[in-house]
Protein backbone atom coordinates (compact mmCIF):
# COMPACT_ATOMS: atom_id res chain seq x y z
CA MET A 1 21.48 -107.52 0.42
CA GLN A 2 20.73 -105.00 -2.24
CA LEU A 3 22.11 -107.42 -4.83
CA ILE A 4 19.89 -110.24 -3.55
CA ARG A 5 16.77 -108.10 -3.81
CA ILE A 6 17.70 -107.19 -7.39
CA ILE A 7 18.17 -110.84 -8.29
CA GLN A 8 14.85 -111.74 -6.65
CA SER A 9 13.17 -109.06 -8.70
CA MET A 10 14.74 -110.57 -11.78
CA PHE A 11 13.32 -113.98 -10.85
CA GLN A 12 9.86 -112.46 -10.54
CA TYR A 13 9.97 -111.45 -14.19
CA CYS A 14 12.12 -114.25 -15.64
CA ASN A 15 11.35 -117.88 -15.82
CA GLU A 16 13.53 -120.69 -14.69
CA PHE A 17 14.82 -121.39 -18.17
CA VAL A 18 16.21 -117.84 -18.63
CA MET A 19 17.97 -117.90 -15.24
CA TRP A 20 19.75 -121.10 -16.03
CA LEU A 21 20.89 -119.60 -19.34
CA PHE A 22 22.38 -116.70 -17.41
CA ILE A 23 24.30 -119.03 -15.09
CA ASP A 24 25.56 -120.97 -18.09
CA PHE A 25 26.76 -117.73 -19.63
CA LEU A 26 28.81 -116.90 -16.52
CA PHE A 27 30.57 -120.25 -16.55
CA GLY A 28 31.27 -119.91 -20.27
CA TYR A 29 32.72 -116.47 -19.85
CA ALA A 30 35.04 -117.59 -17.03
CA TYR A 31 36.25 -120.52 -19.05
CA ASN A 32 37.15 -118.29 -22.03
CA GLN A 33 39.02 -115.84 -19.82
CA LEU A 34 41.06 -118.60 -18.30
CA ARG A 35 41.90 -120.02 -21.73
CA ILE A 36 42.90 -116.58 -23.10
CA GLY A 37 44.93 -115.80 -20.02
CA GLY A 38 46.85 -119.04 -20.34
CA SER A 39 47.70 -118.27 -23.97
CA PHE A 40 49.18 -114.88 -23.05
CA MET A 41 51.39 -116.49 -20.41
CA ASN A 42 52.86 -118.98 -22.81
CA ALA A 43 53.46 -116.67 -25.79
CA LYS A 44 57.11 -115.57 -26.46
CA ASN A 45 57.95 -111.98 -27.20
CA SER A 46 54.33 -111.06 -26.74
CA ALA A 47 52.79 -107.83 -25.49
CA PRO A 48 52.45 -107.26 -21.76
CA LYS A 49 50.09 -109.79 -20.15
CA ARG A 50 46.50 -108.72 -19.49
CA PHE A 51 46.10 -110.90 -16.41
CA GLY A 52 48.45 -112.56 -14.06
CA VAL A 53 47.86 -115.80 -12.29
CA LYS A 54 46.44 -114.02 -9.32
CA GLY A 55 43.94 -112.18 -11.47
CA MET A 56 42.77 -115.36 -13.07
CA VAL A 57 42.10 -116.97 -9.71
CA ILE A 58 40.13 -113.96 -8.50
CA LEU A 59 38.03 -113.98 -11.67
CA SER A 60 37.24 -117.66 -11.32
CA LEU A 61 36.22 -117.30 -7.70
CA THR A 62 34.02 -114.36 -8.58
CA VAL A 63 32.19 -116.37 -11.23
CA VAL A 64 31.64 -119.30 -8.86
CA ALA A 65 30.40 -116.97 -6.19
CA MET A 66 27.95 -115.34 -8.56
CA ALA A 67 26.60 -118.71 -9.72
CA SER A 68 26.21 -119.88 -6.13
CA LEU A 69 24.43 -116.68 -5.27
CA PHE A 70 21.99 -117.11 -8.10
CA PHE A 71 21.34 -120.76 -7.10
CA ILE A 72 20.73 -119.82 -3.46
CA VAL A 73 18.34 -117.07 -4.43
CA TYR A 74 16.48 -119.40 -6.84
CA GLU A 75 16.07 -122.13 -4.26
CA SER A 76 14.95 -119.64 -1.61
CA MET A 77 12.12 -118.51 -3.85
CA LYS A 78 10.61 -122.08 -4.12
CA LYS A 79 7.63 -122.97 -1.92
CA GLU A 80 7.16 -126.29 -0.13
CA VAL A 81 3.79 -127.81 -1.00
CA THR A 82 2.20 -131.15 0.08
CA VAL A 83 -0.51 -132.76 -2.08
CA VAL A 84 -2.54 -135.76 -0.78
CA ALA A 85 -4.31 -137.53 -3.65
CA ASP A 86 -6.43 -140.54 -2.57
CA GLU A 87 -4.21 -141.18 0.48
CA GLU A 88 -0.99 -140.91 -1.58
CA GLU A 89 1.25 -137.99 -0.53
CA PHE A 90 3.34 -135.85 -2.89
CA HIS A 91 5.96 -133.37 -1.49
CA THR A 92 7.40 -130.73 -3.83
CA ASN A 93 9.40 -127.47 -3.80
CA THR A 94 7.91 -125.45 -6.58
CA MET A 95 8.00 -122.10 -8.32
CA ALA A 96 4.39 -122.62 -9.43
CA GLU A 97 2.12 -119.67 -8.91
CA THR A 98 -1.30 -121.39 -8.55
CA VAL A 99 -2.74 -124.65 -7.23
CA GLU A 100 -3.56 -125.72 -10.79
CA ASP A 101 0.16 -125.22 -11.74
CA VAL A 102 1.20 -127.46 -8.84
CA LEU A 103 -1.16 -130.24 -9.98
CA ASN A 104 0.13 -129.94 -13.53
CA GLU A 105 3.76 -130.21 -12.31
CA LEU A 106 2.87 -133.42 -10.44
CA GLY A 107 0.86 -134.81 -13.36
CA LEU A 108 -2.36 -134.89 -11.35
CA GLU A 109 -5.72 -134.24 -13.01
CA LYS A 110 -8.96 -133.07 -11.39
CA ASP A 111 -12.32 -134.04 -12.87
CA GLU A 112 -15.49 -132.04 -12.30
CA HIS A 113 -16.75 -134.69 -9.85
CA ASP A 114 -13.50 -134.82 -7.83
CA TYR A 115 -12.97 -133.00 -4.53
CA LEU A 116 -10.18 -130.40 -4.19
CA SER A 117 -9.59 -128.66 -0.87
CA GLU A 118 -8.30 -125.45 -2.56
CA ASP A 119 -9.49 -123.45 -5.55
CA LEU A 120 -7.49 -124.07 -8.72
CA THR A 121 -6.74 -120.36 -9.12
CA LYS A 122 -5.52 -119.84 -5.56
CA GLU A 123 -1.87 -118.65 -5.24
CA VAL A 124 0.56 -121.13 -3.84
CA GLU A 125 1.83 -120.50 -0.33
CA ASP A 126 4.83 -121.99 1.38
CA GLY A 127 3.80 -124.96 3.54
CA MET A 128 0.43 -125.34 1.75
CA GLU A 129 -1.37 -128.70 2.01
CA ILE A 130 -3.72 -129.63 -0.84
CA GLU A 131 -6.19 -132.55 -0.61
CA LEU A 132 -7.49 -134.22 -3.80
CA ASP A 133 -10.13 -136.98 -3.63
CA TYR A 134 -11.04 -138.76 -6.81
CA ALA A 135 -14.78 -139.54 -7.30
CA ASN A 136 -15.74 -143.15 -8.09
CA GLU A 137 -18.02 -143.94 -10.99
CA VAL A 138 -20.79 -146.24 -9.73
CA VAL A 139 -23.41 -147.94 -11.92
CA VAL A 140 -26.70 -148.73 -10.14
CA THR A 141 -29.39 -151.07 -11.51
CA VAL A 142 -32.76 -151.09 -9.72
CA ASP A 143 -34.83 -153.91 -11.23
CA ASP A 144 -34.59 -153.08 -14.96
CA GLU A 145 -33.50 -149.43 -14.72
CA THR A 146 -29.78 -148.52 -14.82
CA GLU A 147 -28.18 -145.17 -13.92
CA THR A 148 -24.57 -143.96 -13.58
CA TYR A 149 -23.41 -141.90 -10.57
CA HIS A 150 -20.16 -140.22 -9.45
CA THR A 151 -19.60 -140.26 -5.72
CA LEU A 152 -17.04 -139.45 -3.05
CA ALA A 153 -18.71 -141.83 -0.56
CA ASP A 154 -16.43 -144.48 0.90
CA THR A 155 -18.99 -147.29 1.36
CA ALA A 156 -22.09 -148.51 -0.44
CA ASP A 157 -24.25 -147.60 2.56
CA GLU A 158 -22.99 -143.99 2.52
CA PHE A 159 -23.55 -143.79 -1.22
CA LEU A 160 -27.19 -144.99 -1.01
CA GLU A 161 -27.91 -142.46 1.74
CA GLU A 162 -26.17 -139.69 -0.24
CA GLU A 163 -28.26 -140.41 -3.35
CA ASN A 164 -31.46 -141.07 -1.34
CA ILE A 165 -31.86 -144.58 -2.80
CA LYS A 166 -34.28 -146.41 -0.48
CA ILE A 167 -33.99 -150.14 0.21
CA SER A 168 -35.96 -152.51 2.45
CA GLU A 169 -34.90 -155.55 4.41
CA HIS A 170 -36.59 -157.81 1.83
CA ASP A 171 -34.79 -156.34 -1.20
CA HIS A 172 -32.05 -158.43 -2.79
CA LEU A 173 -28.65 -156.69 -3.04
CA SER A 174 -25.66 -157.82 -5.09
CA PHE A 175 -23.32 -156.12 -2.60
CA GLU A 176 -22.69 -155.66 1.12
CA LEU A 177 -23.70 -152.34 2.63
CA GLU A 178 -20.35 -152.04 4.47
CA GLU A 179 -18.14 -152.74 1.46
CA GLU A 180 -15.83 -150.01 0.17
CA LEU A 181 -16.65 -148.58 -3.24
CA SER A 182 -14.22 -148.71 -6.15
CA ASP A 183 -14.27 -146.99 -9.49
CA GLY A 184 -16.60 -148.75 -11.96
CA ARG A 185 -18.47 -150.73 -9.27
CA HIS A 186 -21.86 -152.10 -10.35
CA LEU A 187 -24.56 -152.23 -7.67
CA ALA A 188 -27.70 -154.30 -8.48
CA ILE A 189 -30.89 -153.98 -6.40
CA SER A 190 -33.97 -156.17 -6.85
CA LYS A 191 -36.99 -154.58 -5.15
CA ALA A 192 -39.23 -156.91 -3.15
CA PHE A 193 -43.00 -157.19 -3.75
CA GLU A 194 -45.90 -159.13 -2.20
CA VAL A 195 -46.94 -162.61 -3.34
CA VAL A 196 -49.88 -164.62 -1.93
CA ILE A 197 -49.38 -168.37 -1.47
CA ASN A 198 -52.65 -170.33 -1.29
CA ASP A 199 -51.67 -173.75 0.04
CA ASP A 200 -54.61 -176.15 0.34
CA GLY A 201 -56.94 -173.23 1.08
CA GLU A 202 -54.62 -171.57 3.61
CA LYS A 203 -53.33 -168.21 2.41
CA LYS A 204 -50.24 -166.32 3.49
CA THR A 205 -48.52 -163.24 2.08
CA VAL A 206 -44.74 -163.20 1.61
CA MET A 207 -42.25 -160.66 0.27
CA THR A 208 -40.05 -161.76 -2.60
CA THR A 209 -37.89 -160.49 -5.44
CA GLY A 210 -37.70 -161.67 -9.03
CA GLN A 211 -37.07 -165.33 -8.28
CA THR A 212 -38.74 -168.48 -9.59
CA ILE A 213 -41.78 -170.06 -7.95
CA GLN A 214 -39.88 -173.20 -7.00
CA SER A 215 -37.06 -171.22 -5.35
CA LEU A 216 -39.61 -169.12 -3.41
CA LEU A 217 -41.42 -172.23 -2.14
CA ALA A 218 -38.08 -173.76 -1.13
CA LYS A 219 -37.18 -170.58 0.74
CA GLU A 220 -40.52 -170.69 2.58
CA GLY A 221 -40.04 -174.38 3.41
CA ILE A 222 -43.05 -175.50 1.34
CA LYS A 223 -42.57 -178.95 -0.18
CA LEU A 224 -44.55 -180.44 -3.05
CA SER A 225 -45.24 -184.11 -3.67
CA ASP A 226 -45.10 -185.69 -7.10
CA HIS A 227 -48.89 -185.37 -7.46
CA ASP A 228 -49.38 -181.84 -6.11
CA GLN A 229 -50.41 -179.19 -8.65
CA LEU A 230 -49.47 -175.53 -9.16
CA ASN A 231 -51.48 -172.96 -11.09
CA MET A 232 -48.23 -171.83 -12.78
CA GLU A 233 -45.06 -173.42 -14.07
CA PRO A 234 -42.59 -173.89 -11.16
CA THR A 235 -39.77 -172.42 -13.26
CA LYS A 236 -41.67 -169.20 -13.93
CA LYS A 237 -39.88 -166.07 -12.72
CA LEU A 238 -42.07 -163.86 -10.57
CA ASP A 239 -42.19 -160.25 -11.72
CA SER A 240 -45.35 -158.80 -10.19
CA GLU A 241 -47.90 -159.31 -7.42
CA GLU A 242 -49.42 -162.76 -8.04
CA THR A 243 -51.21 -165.57 -6.23
CA ILE A 244 -49.59 -168.99 -6.21
CA THR A 245 -52.21 -171.71 -5.73
CA ILE A 246 -51.11 -175.14 -4.53
CA THR A 247 -53.57 -178.02 -4.90
CA ARG A 248 -52.63 -180.94 -2.70
CA VAL A 249 -53.30 -184.18 -4.57
CA ASP A 250 -53.37 -187.53 -2.78
CA LYS A 251 -53.94 -190.94 -4.29
CA GLU A 252 -54.80 -194.21 -2.61
CA ARG A 253 -55.96 -197.67 -3.65
CA LYS A 254 -58.93 -199.43 -2.10
CA THR A 255 -60.23 -202.94 -2.67
CA TYR A 256 -63.96 -203.88 -2.57
CA ASP A 257 -65.85 -207.17 -2.72
CA GLU A 258 -68.66 -206.88 -5.24
CA ILE A 259 -71.64 -209.07 -6.16
CA ILE A 260 -72.03 -210.17 -9.78
CA PRO A 261 -75.81 -210.34 -10.44
CA PHE A 262 -77.11 -213.19 -12.53
CA ASN A 263 -79.26 -212.76 -15.63
CA THR A 264 -82.49 -214.52 -16.52
CA GLU A 265 -82.63 -216.58 -19.70
CA THR A 266 -85.93 -217.63 -21.28
CA GLU A 267 -86.35 -220.78 -23.37
CA SER A 268 -89.44 -222.18 -25.09
CA ASP A 269 -91.09 -225.34 -23.75
CA ASP A 270 -93.75 -226.98 -25.89
CA SER A 271 -94.72 -229.29 -23.03
CA LEU A 272 -96.06 -226.30 -21.09
CA GLU A 273 -99.24 -224.53 -21.93
CA LYS A 274 -98.96 -220.94 -23.10
CA GLY A 275 -98.84 -218.48 -20.21
CA LYS A 276 -97.17 -220.93 -17.89
CA THR A 277 -93.51 -220.86 -16.86
CA ARG A 278 -91.17 -223.25 -15.13
CA ILE A 279 -87.79 -222.57 -13.56
CA VAL A 280 -85.26 -224.82 -15.20
CA GLN A 281 -82.22 -223.52 -13.34
CA GLN A 282 -81.97 -221.29 -10.30
CA GLY A 283 -79.82 -218.19 -10.66
CA LYS A 284 -76.71 -217.74 -8.56
CA GLU A 285 -74.82 -214.53 -7.86
CA GLY A 286 -71.09 -214.40 -8.50
CA LYS A 287 -68.36 -212.54 -6.63
CA LYS A 288 -65.51 -210.29 -7.73
CA VAL A 289 -62.81 -208.16 -6.13
CA GLN A 290 -62.34 -204.66 -7.55
CA THR A 291 -59.39 -202.36 -6.84
CA PHE A 292 -59.90 -198.62 -7.38
CA GLU A 293 -57.37 -195.80 -7.40
CA ILE A 294 -59.03 -192.87 -5.64
CA THR A 295 -57.83 -189.31 -6.21
CA TYR A 296 -58.35 -186.57 -3.61
CA LYS A 297 -57.78 -182.85 -4.19
CA ASN A 298 -57.38 -180.81 -1.03
CA GLY A 299 -58.93 -183.70 0.91
CA GLU A 300 -62.01 -184.17 -1.30
CA GLU A 301 -62.51 -187.16 -3.58
CA VAL A 302 -62.61 -186.10 -7.22
CA SER A 303 -62.32 -189.39 -9.07
CA ARG A 304 -61.87 -193.11 -8.74
CA GLU A 305 -60.51 -195.37 -11.43
CA LEU A 306 -60.86 -199.14 -11.65
CA VAL A 307 -57.32 -200.42 -11.95
CA LYS A 308 -57.84 -204.13 -11.26
CA GLU A 309 -60.73 -206.60 -11.22
CA GLU A 310 -60.62 -210.25 -10.27
CA ILE A 311 -63.61 -212.63 -10.44
CA THR A 312 -63.48 -214.98 -7.49
CA GLU A 313 -66.77 -216.78 -8.19
CA GLU A 314 -68.66 -216.89 -11.48
CA SER A 315 -72.39 -216.12 -11.54
CA GLN A 316 -74.98 -218.59 -12.84
CA ASN A 317 -77.92 -217.40 -14.91
CA ARG A 318 -81.46 -218.32 -14.06
CA VAL A 319 -83.19 -220.32 -16.81
CA VAL A 320 -86.97 -220.04 -17.15
CA ALA A 321 -89.00 -222.26 -19.48
CA GLN A 322 -91.96 -220.50 -21.11
CA GLY A 323 -94.84 -222.65 -22.35
CA THR A 324 -95.80 -222.69 -26.01
CA LYS A 325 -98.39 -225.49 -25.97
CA GLU A 326 -101.94 -224.57 -26.88
CA PRO A 327 -104.31 -225.21 -23.96
CA PRO A 328 -107.27 -227.66 -24.49
CA LYS A 329 -110.65 -226.20 -25.43
CA ARG A 330 -113.21 -225.98 -22.60
CA THR A 331 -117.00 -226.77 -22.91
CA VAL A 332 -119.26 -223.84 -21.95
CA ALA A 333 -122.22 -224.80 -19.67
CA LYS A 334 -125.63 -224.27 -21.34
CA LYS A 335 -127.74 -223.76 -18.26
CA SER A 336 -128.08 -220.15 -17.41
CA SER A 337 -128.27 -220.91 -13.77
CA ASN A 338 -124.89 -222.55 -13.99
CA VAL A 339 -123.51 -219.55 -15.94
CA GLN A 340 -124.89 -217.19 -13.38
CA GLN A 341 -123.40 -219.20 -10.57
CA THR A 342 -120.06 -219.36 -12.33
CA SER A 343 -120.21 -215.62 -13.04
CA ALA A 344 -121.08 -214.86 -9.47
CA LYS A 345 -118.27 -217.05 -8.21
CA SER A 346 -115.81 -215.38 -10.60
CA GLU A 347 -116.91 -211.91 -9.52
CA SER A 348 -116.68 -212.91 -5.89
CA LYS A 349 -113.22 -214.38 -6.46
CA SER A 350 -112.13 -211.23 -8.28
CA LYS A 351 -113.29 -209.09 -5.40
CA ILE A 352 -111.45 -211.28 -2.94
CA GLU A 353 -108.25 -211.12 -5.05
CA THR A 354 -108.51 -207.33 -5.32
CA LYS A 355 -109.01 -207.09 -1.60
CA ASP A 356 -106.05 -209.40 -0.96
CA THR A 357 -103.86 -207.32 -3.31
CA LYS A 358 -104.75 -204.11 -1.51
CA GLN A 359 -103.97 -205.78 1.76
CA GLU A 360 -100.64 -206.99 0.34
CA THR A 361 -99.54 -203.51 -0.91
CA GLY A 362 -100.60 -201.88 2.25
CA LYS A 363 -98.84 -204.10 4.71
CA THR A 364 -95.33 -204.49 5.98
CA MET A 365 -92.99 -206.99 4.35
CA VAL A 366 -89.64 -208.39 5.30
CA VAL A 367 -87.17 -208.37 2.40
CA GLN A 368 -83.48 -208.82 1.72
CA ALA A 369 -81.87 -205.43 0.89
CA THR A 370 -78.52 -204.86 -0.87
CA ALA A 371 -76.93 -201.40 -1.05
CA TYR A 372 -75.20 -199.98 -4.16
CA SER A 373 -73.89 -196.58 -5.33
CA THR A 374 -73.51 -194.87 -8.71
CA ASN A 375 -70.14 -193.61 -7.46
CA ASN A 376 -68.95 -197.04 -8.43
CA PRO A 377 -67.66 -196.38 -11.98
CA SER A 378 -68.87 -199.78 -13.16
CA LEU A 379 -72.54 -198.81 -12.56
CA GLY A 380 -74.75 -196.47 -14.54
CA THR A 381 -76.42 -193.27 -13.38
CA HIS A 382 -79.96 -193.91 -14.71
CA THR A 383 -82.52 -196.47 -13.64
CA ALA A 384 -84.63 -198.78 -15.83
CA THR A 385 -87.48 -196.25 -15.59
CA GLY A 386 -85.22 -193.31 -16.58
CA ILE A 387 -84.64 -191.74 -13.15
CA ASP A 388 -81.34 -189.84 -12.87
CA LEU A 389 -79.81 -191.07 -9.62
CA ARG A 390 -77.51 -188.06 -9.39
CA SER A 391 -80.45 -185.69 -8.89
CA ASN A 392 -82.91 -188.22 -7.36
CA PRO A 393 -80.81 -190.57 -5.24
CA LYS A 394 -83.62 -192.02 -3.06
CA VAL A 395 -84.51 -194.94 -5.34
CA ILE A 396 -84.80 -198.70 -4.81
CA ALA A 397 -84.82 -201.51 -7.35
CA VAL A 398 -87.68 -204.00 -6.96
CA ASP A 399 -89.39 -207.00 -8.51
CA PRO A 400 -92.47 -205.41 -10.16
CA ASN A 401 -94.42 -208.58 -9.47
CA VAL A 402 -94.04 -207.92 -5.74
CA ILE A 403 -93.78 -204.13 -5.50
CA PRO A 404 -95.30 -202.04 -8.30
CA LEU A 405 -92.94 -199.59 -10.03
CA GLY A 406 -93.60 -196.01 -8.95
CA SER A 407 -94.68 -196.97 -5.43
CA LYS A 408 -93.46 -195.13 -2.38
CA VAL A 409 -91.67 -197.54 -0.09
CA TRP A 410 -90.47 -197.02 3.45
CA VAL A 411 -87.29 -198.99 4.18
CA GLU A 412 -86.04 -199.67 7.68
CA GLY A 413 -82.73 -197.83 8.29
CA TYR A 414 -82.96 -195.94 4.98
CA GLY A 415 -86.21 -193.96 4.83
CA THR A 416 -88.82 -193.44 2.14
CA ALA A 417 -87.81 -194.09 -1.47
CA ILE A 418 -89.33 -194.55 -4.93
CA ALA A 419 -89.56 -198.00 -6.48
CA GLY A 420 -87.99 -196.90 -9.74
CA ASP A 421 -85.57 -199.60 -10.89
CA THR A 422 -85.37 -203.30 -11.64
CA GLY A 423 -82.58 -205.86 -11.90
CA GLY A 424 -81.88 -209.34 -13.13
CA ALA A 425 -80.97 -210.54 -9.65
CA ILE A 426 -84.01 -208.96 -8.00
CA ASN A 427 -86.71 -211.61 -7.77
CA GLY A 428 -89.35 -211.98 -5.16
CA LYS A 429 -88.79 -210.22 -1.88
CA LYS A 430 -85.45 -208.66 -2.72
CA ILE A 431 -84.60 -204.98 -3.19
CA ASP A 432 -81.52 -202.93 -4.06
CA ILE A 433 -81.07 -199.60 -2.19
CA HIS A 434 -79.18 -196.71 -3.81
CA PHE A 435 -76.76 -194.50 -1.85
CA SER A 436 -75.01 -191.39 -3.21
CA SER A 437 -71.94 -192.23 -1.12
CA TYR A 438 -69.99 -195.32 -2.03
CA GLU A 439 -68.72 -195.58 1.54
CA LYS A 440 -72.27 -195.51 2.96
CA ALA A 441 -73.31 -198.22 0.52
CA ARG A 442 -70.43 -200.41 1.69
CA SER A 443 -71.32 -199.71 5.29
CA PHE A 444 -74.97 -200.75 4.75
CA GLY A 445 -73.95 -203.86 2.82
CA ARG A 446 -76.64 -206.52 2.68
CA LYS A 447 -79.19 -207.14 5.40
CA THR A 448 -82.77 -208.21 6.08
CA VAL A 449 -85.06 -205.23 6.68
CA ARG A 450 -88.74 -204.39 7.07
CA ILE A 451 -90.43 -202.30 4.39
CA LYS A 452 -93.85 -200.80 3.90
CA VAL A 453 -95.35 -200.14 0.49
CA TYR A 454 -97.72 -197.17 0.14
């Protein structure tokens, strides 16, 4: 026992390499003694033998025993250590003094971010268990900002909580929260923000990430027709709080029957006295069918375009002959009494005519009224007297010989209007009534009405 303690003391101050040199020396020495002993036994007439056979055997056994003793002592001084590195177990019997020496023997390295259950400088104990967890390098990109982390967390969810990285249910993640992390994993997070969608005047707020307008609308189940309009390009990528405005555009085609007014032509007639006229040909209105394409934005009409026009009946102009013949000269009566009588009769007749005219302009008439609207693109917006129908819509077209221009006229079913326009087809007791709405004009159409001129 004393010998074992001495050898153990030697092992405390000698390394493994020196002890194996000592064992090698013992075997070498034994081998040389055996060889020398054998030479003495075979030599003739030699000196007395140093060793006999029995001595050689004892020497050999002694050397083997010493070597075995040294081996047993060496093995007894080793410590059993278990190292678990990322779920992989390493078992070793070692002469290492510290935990760091054990890791070096096993070829294991510890980084500053890794977890080690024991201090590197701690002395090794028999039966020691050492746990080594390697940290994973994780790259995180939030919108356009990228940062590198080292973590011991097992899952992405644990890592986000560990680093206090907040996410919402609307954020877009390139990973699953439950997935296990691996070294070099890249986690991308797109933060959600508010966007207002104004669809035909109805607004709603949605949460979205950096996606395009068309993908957002598809996600929200909002469909666009070929004519609908956006205030931005549909392929634009949203990157901030914005308002998407959708203008619903509808188009339809409508067909209308229209009247073609006739014109009045004047021709000279030398068989008629000057100042006299004669109708050579009565005028006749024509007919045409017009097709308009009407555009509505968010339910309101914004334009109408004439896309087709077909004349179904041609109009016929009115031809009026105007006299150019000089009237015959009249003889003036010489008697003053006759002149006075004639003058009195003329004055009386003039008074009667003036009275009749006043009665005519002050009484009710029955006329034929036709409605029209400047919303029809084929018609102008100003009357013959210069009235702008867009700002003064209550205007009728008249025959000035029947209703003086500028008169106020009450029209049955329409109200009071200004006689401020004329027309080639308006002769005698005919009037045209202006409506701002094309639909109202079509609804009124043409009818016989009572009017009163003021």
